[in-house]
Amino acid sequence: MWLTSDQEREHSYKLVIGYKFASAHTISFRFQLYSPFAYTPIIGSEESPPDSGRYVPVYNVKKNTEHFDIDHRLDFRYTYRTNYEWGYVSWYIEMINVYGQWHNPVVGEEWSYNEPYKKGENPSAEREEGLPYIPNFGVEVKF
């Protein structure tokens, strides 16, 4: 029998594109596309204890059989490089996650114990807080 891990990612693709101009300047973009982690879907509910109005989720018997929608991220980087006879110095500034908090991928299911199972309503999609813009800068020196 084939089993999947809670931390398994079926797909992960990266595409890096750069353009060098005026011999010292480089602009580059990195696009990442990946499948989310596996999860065990909720397929129903049971009232527990009986006549309490409290519902517990019933999970699929087969563990980790579903995945949420594919996710993606875009990064940007500008580099200025100065060559010397002993090596080079590169200064760079980059923006990690250009989307900022506009992009909130689905990472799980949220269950309301006060309502029975109803497809599309309970459970609802749990969204990750969007990764904020992460400005980064640095210097690379090679001798």
N, C-alpha and C. Protein backbone atom coordinates (compact mmCIF):
# COMPACT_ATOMS: atom_id res chain seq x y z
N MET A 1 0.84 -1.18 0.00
CA MET A 1 0.00 0.00 0.00
C MET A 1 0.89 1.24 0.00
N TRP A 2 0.53 2.24 -0.79
CA TRP A 2 1.30 3.48 -0.91
C TRP A 2 0.81 4.47 0.14
N LEU A 3 1.73 5.00 0.96
CA LEU A 3 1.38 5.98 1.99
C LEU A 3 2.03 7.31 1.69
N THR A 4 1.37 8.39 2.01
CA THR A 4 1.95 9.71 1.85
C THR A 4 2.21 10.32 3.22
N SER A 5 3.21 11.17 3.28
CA SER A 5 3.59 11.83 4.53
C SER A 5 2.82 13.13 4.69
N ASP A 6 2.68 13.60 5.93
CA ASP A 6 2.04 14.88 6.20
C ASP A 6 2.84 16.03 5.58
N GLN A 7 4.14 15.84 5.41
CA GLN A 7 5.02 16.89 4.89
C GLN A 7 5.40 16.68 3.42
N GLU A 8 4.70 15.81 2.72
CA GLU A 8 5.03 15.51 1.33
C GLU A 8 4.57 16.64 0.40
N ARG A 9 5.42 16.98 -0.55
CA ARG A 9 5.09 17.91 -1.63
C ARG A 9 5.31 17.17 -2.93
N GLU A 10 4.25 16.97 -3.70
CA GLU A 10 4.37 16.20 -4.94
C GLU A 10 5.15 16.96 -6.01
N HIS A 11 4.97 18.27 -6.08
CA HIS A 11 5.59 19.05 -7.15
C HIS A 11 6.24 20.30 -6.58
N SER A 12 7.38 20.66 -7.14
CA SER A 12 8.04 21.90 -6.79
C SER A 12 8.87 22.34 -8.00
N TYR A 13 8.47 23.45 -8.60
CA TYR A 13 9.15 23.95 -9.80
C TYR A 13 9.62 25.36 -9.54
N LYS A 14 10.82 25.68 -10.06
CA LYS A 14 11.36 27.03 -9.95
C LYS A 14 11.87 27.47 -11.31
N LEU A 15 11.58 28.71 -11.64
CA LEU A 15 12.04 29.29 -12.89
C LEU A 15 12.74 30.60 -12.53
N VAL A 16 14.00 30.74 -12.96
CA VAL A 16 14.77 31.96 -12.70
C VAL A 16 15.11 32.59 -14.04
N ILE A 17 14.78 33.87 -14.17
CA ILE A 17 15.05 34.61 -15.39
C ILE A 17 15.82 35.87 -15.00
N GLY A 18 16.91 36.13 -15.72
CA GLY A 18 17.70 37.32 -15.44
C GLY A 18 18.09 38.05 -16.71
N TYR A 19 18.33 39.32 -16.56
CA TYR A 19 18.76 40.15 -17.69
C TYR A 19 19.91 41.02 -17.22
N LYS A 20 21.07 40.91 -17.90
CA LYS A 20 22.24 41.70 -17.56
C LYS A 20 22.37 42.82 -18.58
N PHE A 21 22.57 44.05 -18.09
CA PHE A 21 22.72 45.19 -18.99
C PHE A 21 23.81 46.11 -18.47
N ALA A 22 24.40 46.86 -19.38
CA ALA A 22 25.48 47.81 -19.07
C ALA A 22 26.62 47.14 -18.31
N SER A 23 26.81 45.86 -18.52
CA SER A 23 27.89 45.01 -17.98
C SER A 23 28.00 44.94 -16.46
N ALA A 24 27.28 45.76 -15.73
CA ALA A 24 27.38 45.72 -14.27
C ALA A 24 26.04 45.51 -13.57
N HIS A 25 24.94 45.67 -14.28
CA HIS A 25 23.61 45.61 -13.68
C HIS A 25 22.91 44.32 -14.09
N THR A 26 22.22 43.70 -13.14
CA THR A 26 21.42 42.51 -13.42
C THR A 26 20.08 42.64 -12.72
N ILE A 27 19.02 42.34 -13.46
CA ILE A 27 17.67 42.24 -12.88
C ILE A 27 17.24 40.79 -13.06
N SER A 28 16.73 40.20 -12.00
CA SER A 28 16.29 38.80 -12.11
C SER A 28 14.99 38.58 -11.35
N PHE A 29 14.24 37.59 -11.82
CA PHE A 29 12.99 37.18 -11.19
C PHE A 29 13.05 35.69 -10.93
N ARG A 30 12.49 35.25 -9.80
CA ARG A 30 12.37 33.83 -9.49
C ARG A 30 10.90 33.54 -9.23
N PHE A 31 10.36 32.61 -10.01
CA PHE A 31 8.96 32.20 -9.86
C PHE A 31 8.96 30.77 -9.35
N GLN A 32 8.21 30.51 -8.28
CA GLN A 32 8.13 29.18 -7.70
C GLN A 32 6.68 28.71 -7.74
N LEU A 33 6.50 27.46 -8.16
CA LEU A 33 5.18 26.84 -8.24
C LEU A 33 5.28 25.51 -7.52
N TYR A 34 4.39 25.27 -6.57
CA TYR A 34 4.48 24.02 -5.82
C TYR A 34 3.12 23.56 -5.35
N SER A 35 3.02 22.25 -5.17
CA SER A 35 1.78 21.68 -4.64
C SER A 35 1.82 21.74 -3.12
N PRO A 36 0.66 21.93 -2.50
CA PRO A 36 0.61 22.00 -1.04
C PRO A 36 0.75 20.62 -0.40
N PHE A 37 0.84 20.61 0.90
CA PHE A 37 0.97 19.36 1.63
C PHE A 37 -0.32 18.55 1.54
N ALA A 38 -0.20 17.25 1.70
CA ALA A 38 -1.36 16.36 1.68
C ALA A 38 -2.18 16.54 2.96
N TYR A 39 -3.48 16.24 2.86
CA TYR A 39 -4.33 16.29 4.06
C TYR A 39 -5.40 15.21 3.96
N THR A 40 -6.00 14.88 5.09
CA THR A 40 -7.08 13.90 5.15
C THR A 40 -8.40 14.66 5.19
N PRO A 41 -9.24 14.51 4.16
CA PRO A 41 -10.47 15.31 4.10
C PRO A 41 -11.53 14.86 5.11
N ILE A 42 -12.35 15.83 5.51
CA ILE A 42 -13.51 15.56 6.36
C ILE A 42 -14.64 15.15 5.43
N ILE A 43 -15.28 14.01 5.73
CA ILE A 43 -16.32 13.49 4.83
C ILE A 43 -17.70 13.45 5.49
N GLY A 44 -17.80 13.84 6.74
CA GLY A 44 -19.08 13.81 7.43
C GLY A 44 -18.93 14.30 8.85
N SER A 45 -20.01 14.12 9.65
CA SER A 45 -19.96 14.52 11.06
C SER A 45 -20.88 13.62 11.87
N GLU A 46 -20.60 13.59 13.17
CA GLU A 46 -21.45 12.85 14.12
C GLU A 46 -21.74 13.77 15.30
N GLU A 47 -22.96 13.70 15.81
CA GLU A 47 -23.30 14.49 16.98
C GLU A 47 -22.79 13.74 18.21
N SER A 48 -21.98 14.44 19.01
CA SER A 48 -21.37 13.78 20.15
C SER A 48 -21.25 14.78 21.30
N PRO A 49 -21.81 14.45 22.46
CA PRO A 49 -22.72 13.35 22.78
C PRO A 49 -24.07 13.56 22.08
N PRO A 50 -24.85 12.50 21.98
CA PRO A 50 -26.15 12.60 21.29
C PRO A 50 -27.03 13.72 21.85
N ASP A 51 -27.75 14.40 20.98
CA ASP A 51 -28.67 15.50 21.31
C ASP A 51 -27.99 16.68 22.02
N SER A 52 -26.70 16.88 21.77
CA SER A 52 -25.97 17.98 22.40
C SER A 52 -25.83 19.21 21.51
N GLY A 53 -26.04 19.01 20.20
CA GLY A 53 -25.84 20.12 19.27
C GLY A 53 -24.37 20.37 18.97
N ARG A 54 -23.52 19.43 19.39
CA ARG A 54 -22.07 19.54 19.14
C ARG A 54 -21.69 18.44 18.17
N TYR A 55 -21.02 18.81 17.09
CA TYR A 55 -20.69 17.87 16.02
C TYR A 55 -19.18 17.70 15.90
N VAL A 56 -18.77 16.46 15.77
CA VAL A 56 -17.34 16.17 15.57
C VAL A 56 -17.16 15.69 14.13
N PRO A 57 -16.03 16.05 13.53
CA PRO A 57 -15.80 15.65 12.14
C PRO A 57 -15.48 14.17 12.00
N VAL A 58 -15.87 13.62 10.86
CA VAL A 58 -15.52 12.24 10.50
C VAL A 58 -14.57 12.35 9.31
N TYR A 59 -13.39 11.76 9.46
CA TYR A 59 -12.36 11.85 8.42
C TYR A 59 -12.38 10.63 7.51
N ASN A 60 -11.90 10.83 6.30
CA ASN A 60 -11.73 9.75 5.34
C ASN A 60 -10.82 8.69 5.96
N VAL A 61 -11.11 7.43 5.71
CA VAL A 61 -10.30 6.33 6.26
C VAL A 61 -8.88 6.36 5.69
N LYS A 62 -8.77 6.73 4.41
CA LYS A 62 -7.45 6.78 3.78
C LYS A 62 -6.80 8.13 4.12
N LYS A 63 -5.67 8.05 4.81
CA LYS A 63 -4.96 9.24 5.28
C LYS A 63 -4.24 9.94 4.13
N ASN A 64 -4.24 11.27 4.17
CA ASN A 64 -3.50 12.12 3.22
C ASN A 64 -3.82 11.82 1.76
N THR A 65 -5.10 11.81 1.41
CA THR A 65 -5.50 11.48 0.04
C THR A 65 -5.81 12.72 -0.80
N GLU A 66 -5.85 13.91 -0.21
CA GLU A 66 -6.21 15.12 -0.95
C GLU A 66 -5.12 16.17 -0.83
N HIS A 67 -5.14 17.11 -1.79
CA HIS A 67 -4.25 18.28 -1.79
C HIS A 67 -5.09 19.51 -2.09
N PHE A 68 -4.70 20.65 -1.51
CA PHE A 68 -5.37 21.90 -1.84
C PHE A 68 -4.82 22.41 -3.17
N ASP A 69 -5.26 23.59 -3.60
CA ASP A 69 -4.82 24.15 -4.88
C ASP A 69 -3.32 24.44 -4.89
N ILE A 70 -2.76 24.38 -6.06
CA ILE A 70 -1.33 24.67 -6.26
C ILE A 70 -1.05 26.12 -5.84
N ASP A 71 0.11 26.35 -5.26
CA ASP A 71 0.50 27.66 -4.78
C ASP A 71 1.72 28.17 -5.54
N HIS A 72 1.99 29.48 -5.44
CA HIS A 72 3.11 30.08 -6.17
C HIS A 72 3.63 31.31 -5.44
N ARG A 73 4.87 31.71 -5.83
CA ARG A 73 5.51 32.88 -5.23
C ARG A 73 6.42 33.52 -6.27
N LEU A 74 6.58 34.84 -6.20
CA LEU A 74 7.44 35.58 -7.12
C LEU A 74 8.40 36.45 -6.32
N ASP A 75 9.69 36.38 -6.67
CA ASP A 75 10.73 37.19 -6.03
C ASP A 75 11.43 38.04 -7.10
N PHE A 76 11.97 39.18 -6.70
CA PHE A 76 12.66 40.10 -7.60
C PHE A 76 14.00 40.47 -7.00
N ARG A 77 15.04 40.63 -7.86
CA ARG A 77 16.37 40.99 -7.36
C ARG A 77 17.09 41.91 -8.36
N TYR A 78 17.74 42.95 -7.82
CA TYR A 78 18.60 43.83 -8.61
C TYR A 78 20.01 43.71 -8.05
N THR A 79 21.01 43.53 -8.94
CA THR A 79 22.40 43.38 -8.52
C THR A 79 23.29 44.34 -9.30
N TYR A 80 24.21 44.96 -8.60
CA TYR A 80 25.23 45.79 -9.22
C TYR A 80 26.58 45.15 -8.89
N ARG A 81 27.34 44.82 -9.91
CA ARG A 81 28.60 44.09 -9.71
C ARG A 81 29.77 44.91 -10.26
N THR A 82 30.82 45.05 -9.44
CA THR A 82 32.04 45.73 -9.83
C THR A 82 33.18 44.72 -9.85
N ASN A 83 33.85 44.58 -10.99
CA ASN A 83 34.97 43.64 -11.12
C ASN A 83 36.28 44.34 -10.80
N TYR A 84 37.15 43.62 -10.10
CA TYR A 84 38.49 44.09 -9.77
C TYR A 84 39.47 43.01 -10.20
N GLU A 85 40.75 43.32 -10.19
CA GLU A 85 41.74 42.31 -10.60
C GLU A 85 41.84 41.18 -9.58
N TRP A 86 41.44 41.41 -8.35
CA TRP A 86 41.49 40.40 -7.30
C TRP A 86 40.17 39.63 -7.14
N GLY A 87 39.12 40.05 -7.84
CA GLY A 87 37.81 39.40 -7.73
C GLY A 87 36.70 40.37 -8.07
N TYR A 88 35.62 40.34 -7.31
CA TYR A 88 34.50 41.26 -7.56
C TYR A 88 33.74 41.53 -6.27
N VAL A 89 32.96 42.62 -6.32
CA VAL A 89 32.04 42.98 -5.24
C VAL A 89 30.66 43.16 -5.88
N SER A 90 29.66 42.48 -5.34
CA SER A 90 28.29 42.61 -5.82
C SER A 90 27.42 43.16 -4.70
N TRP A 91 26.67 44.20 -5.01
CA TRP A 91 25.68 44.76 -4.11
C TRP A 91 24.32 44.36 -4.65
N TYR A 92 23.43 43.92 -3.79
CA TYR A 92 22.10 43.54 -4.29
C TYR A 92 21.01 43.98 -3.32
N ILE A 93 19.84 44.15 -3.91
CA ILE A 93 18.62 44.40 -3.13
C ILE A 93 17.55 43.51 -3.76
N GLU A 94 16.77 42.87 -2.92
CA GLU A 94 15.74 41.97 -3.45
C GLU A 94 14.45 42.11 -2.67
N MET A 95 13.39 41.72 -3.32
CA MET A 95 12.05 41.71 -2.71
C MET A 95 11.58 40.26 -2.75
N ILE A 96 11.52 39.65 -1.60
CA ILE A 96 11.03 38.28 -1.50
C ILE A 96 9.52 38.34 -1.34
N ASN A 97 8.80 37.59 -2.14
CA ASN A 97 7.35 37.55 -2.16
C ASN A 97 6.75 38.88 -2.61
N VAL A 98 6.87 39.15 -3.90
CA VAL A 98 6.35 40.38 -4.48
C VAL A 98 4.85 40.53 -4.24
N TYR A 99 4.11 39.42 -4.15
CA TYR A 99 2.66 39.48 -3.93
C TYR A 99 2.30 40.13 -2.60
N GLY A 100 3.16 40.00 -1.63
CA GLY A 100 2.86 40.52 -0.31
C GLY A 100 1.69 39.78 0.32
N GLN A 101 0.88 40.48 1.07
CA GLN A 101 -0.23 39.85 1.78
C GLN A 101 -1.48 39.72 0.92
N TRP A 102 -1.38 39.99 -0.38
CA TRP A 102 -2.53 39.83 -1.27
C TRP A 102 -2.80 38.37 -1.55
N HIS A 103 -1.81 37.54 -1.38
CA HIS A 103 -1.92 36.13 -1.76
C HIS A 103 -1.97 35.27 -0.50
N ASN A 104 -3.13 34.66 -0.23
CA ASN A 104 -3.31 33.84 0.96
C ASN A 104 -3.72 32.43 0.56
N PRO A 105 -2.77 31.51 0.47
CA PRO A 105 -3.10 30.15 0.03
C PRO A 105 -3.90 29.37 1.08
N VAL A 106 -4.68 28.40 0.62
CA VAL A 106 -5.43 27.51 1.50
C VAL A 106 -4.45 26.50 2.11
N VAL A 107 -4.47 26.37 3.44
CA VAL A 107 -3.54 25.47 4.12
C VAL A 107 -4.24 24.41 4.99
N GLY A 108 -5.56 24.48 5.08
CA GLY A 108 -6.26 23.51 5.91
C GLY A 108 -7.75 23.70 5.86
N GLU A 109 -8.43 22.94 6.72
CA GLU A 109 -9.88 23.03 6.85
C GLU A 109 -10.22 23.52 8.25
N GLU A 110 -11.14 24.46 8.37
CA GLU A 110 -11.61 24.95 9.66
C GLU A 110 -12.95 24.33 9.96
N TRP A 111 -13.07 23.72 11.11
CA TRP A 111 -14.28 23.01 11.49
C TRP A 111 -15.03 23.78 12.57
N SER A 112 -16.35 23.94 12.40
CA SER A 112 -17.20 24.56 13.42
C SER A 112 -17.95 23.43 14.13
N TYR A 113 -17.70 23.27 15.41
CA TYR A 113 -18.32 22.19 16.19
C TYR A 113 -19.81 22.42 16.46
N ASN A 114 -20.29 23.62 16.15
CA ASN A 114 -21.71 23.92 16.40
C ASN A 114 -22.60 23.60 15.21
N GLU A 115 -22.02 23.18 14.09
CA GLU A 115 -22.79 22.89 12.88
C GLU A 115 -22.42 21.51 12.34
N PRO A 116 -23.38 20.81 11.75
CA PRO A 116 -23.06 19.52 11.14
C PRO A 116 -22.29 19.71 9.82
N TYR A 117 -21.75 18.64 9.31
CA TYR A 117 -21.02 18.67 8.04
C TYR A 117 -21.94 19.13 6.91
N LYS A 118 -21.46 20.06 6.11
CA LYS A 118 -22.16 20.50 4.91
C LYS A 118 -21.09 20.92 3.91
N LYS A 119 -21.00 20.20 2.81
CA LYS A 119 -19.94 20.42 1.83
C LYS A 119 -19.90 21.88 1.39
N GLY A 120 -18.70 22.47 1.45
CA GLY A 120 -18.49 23.86 1.05
C GLY A 120 -18.75 24.88 2.14
N GLU A 121 -19.40 24.47 3.24
CA GLU A 121 -19.69 25.41 4.33
C GLU A 121 -19.02 25.00 5.64
N ASN A 122 -19.13 23.75 6.00
CA ASN A 122 -18.48 23.23 7.21
C ASN A 122 -17.92 21.85 6.87
N PRO A 123 -16.65 21.73 6.68
CA PRO A 123 -15.57 22.66 7.01
C PRO A 123 -15.38 23.73 5.94
N SER A 124 -14.79 24.84 6.36
CA SER A 124 -14.46 25.92 5.42
C SER A 124 -12.95 25.95 5.22
N ALA A 125 -12.52 26.69 4.22
CA ALA A 125 -11.10 26.77 3.90
C ALA A 125 -10.37 27.62 4.94
N GLU A 126 -9.26 27.09 5.42
CA GLU A 126 -8.38 27.83 6.33
C GLU A 126 -7.25 28.42 5.50
N ARG A 127 -7.14 29.74 5.52
CA ARG A 127 -6.13 30.41 4.70
C ARG A 127 -4.95 30.87 5.56
N GLU A 128 -3.77 30.75 4.99
CA GLU A 128 -2.55 31.18 5.65
C GLU A 128 -2.46 32.70 5.57
N GLU A 129 -2.00 33.31 6.64
CA GLU A 129 -1.72 34.74 6.58
C GLU A 129 -0.70 34.95 5.49
N GLY A 130 -0.93 35.91 4.63
CA GLY A 130 0.00 36.16 3.53
C GLY A 130 1.38 36.52 4.05
N LEU A 131 2.39 35.96 3.44
CA LEU A 131 3.76 36.31 3.77
C LEU A 131 3.98 37.76 3.39
N PRO A 132 4.45 38.59 4.31
CA PRO A 132 4.63 40.00 3.95
C PRO A 132 5.79 40.17 2.98
N TYR A 133 5.87 41.36 2.39
CA TYR A 133 7.05 41.67 1.58
C TYR A 133 8.26 41.52 2.48
N ILE A 134 9.30 40.93 1.96
CA ILE A 134 10.53 40.82 2.73
C ILE A 134 11.64 41.49 1.93
N PRO A 135 11.95 42.75 2.22
CA PRO A 135 13.06 43.38 1.53
C PRO A 135 14.36 42.84 2.10
N ASN A 136 15.32 42.61 1.23
CA ASN A 136 16.59 42.04 1.65
C ASN A 136 17.69 42.75 0.85
N PHE A 137 18.81 42.97 1.46
CA PHE A 137 19.92 43.55 0.74
C PHE A 137 21.22 42.95 1.28
N GLY A 138 22.26 43.02 0.49
CA GLY A 138 23.51 42.45 0.94
C GLY A 138 24.66 42.73 0.00
N VAL A 139 25.81 42.21 0.39
CA VAL A 139 27.05 42.38 -0.37
C VAL A 139 27.69 41.02 -0.51
N GLU A 140 28.15 40.73 -1.71
CA GLU A 140 28.89 39.48 -1.95
C GLU A 140 30.28 39.89 -2.44
N VAL A 141 31.32 39.34 -1.81
CA VAL A 141 32.70 39.64 -2.20
C VAL A 141 33.37 38.33 -2.52
N LYS A 142 34.03 38.28 -3.68
CA LYS A 142 34.77 37.09 -4.07
C LYS A 142 36.21 37.49 -4.36
N PHE A 143 37.14 36.79 -3.71
CA PHE A 143 38.58 37.06 -3.89
C PHE A 143 39.18 36.07 -4.87
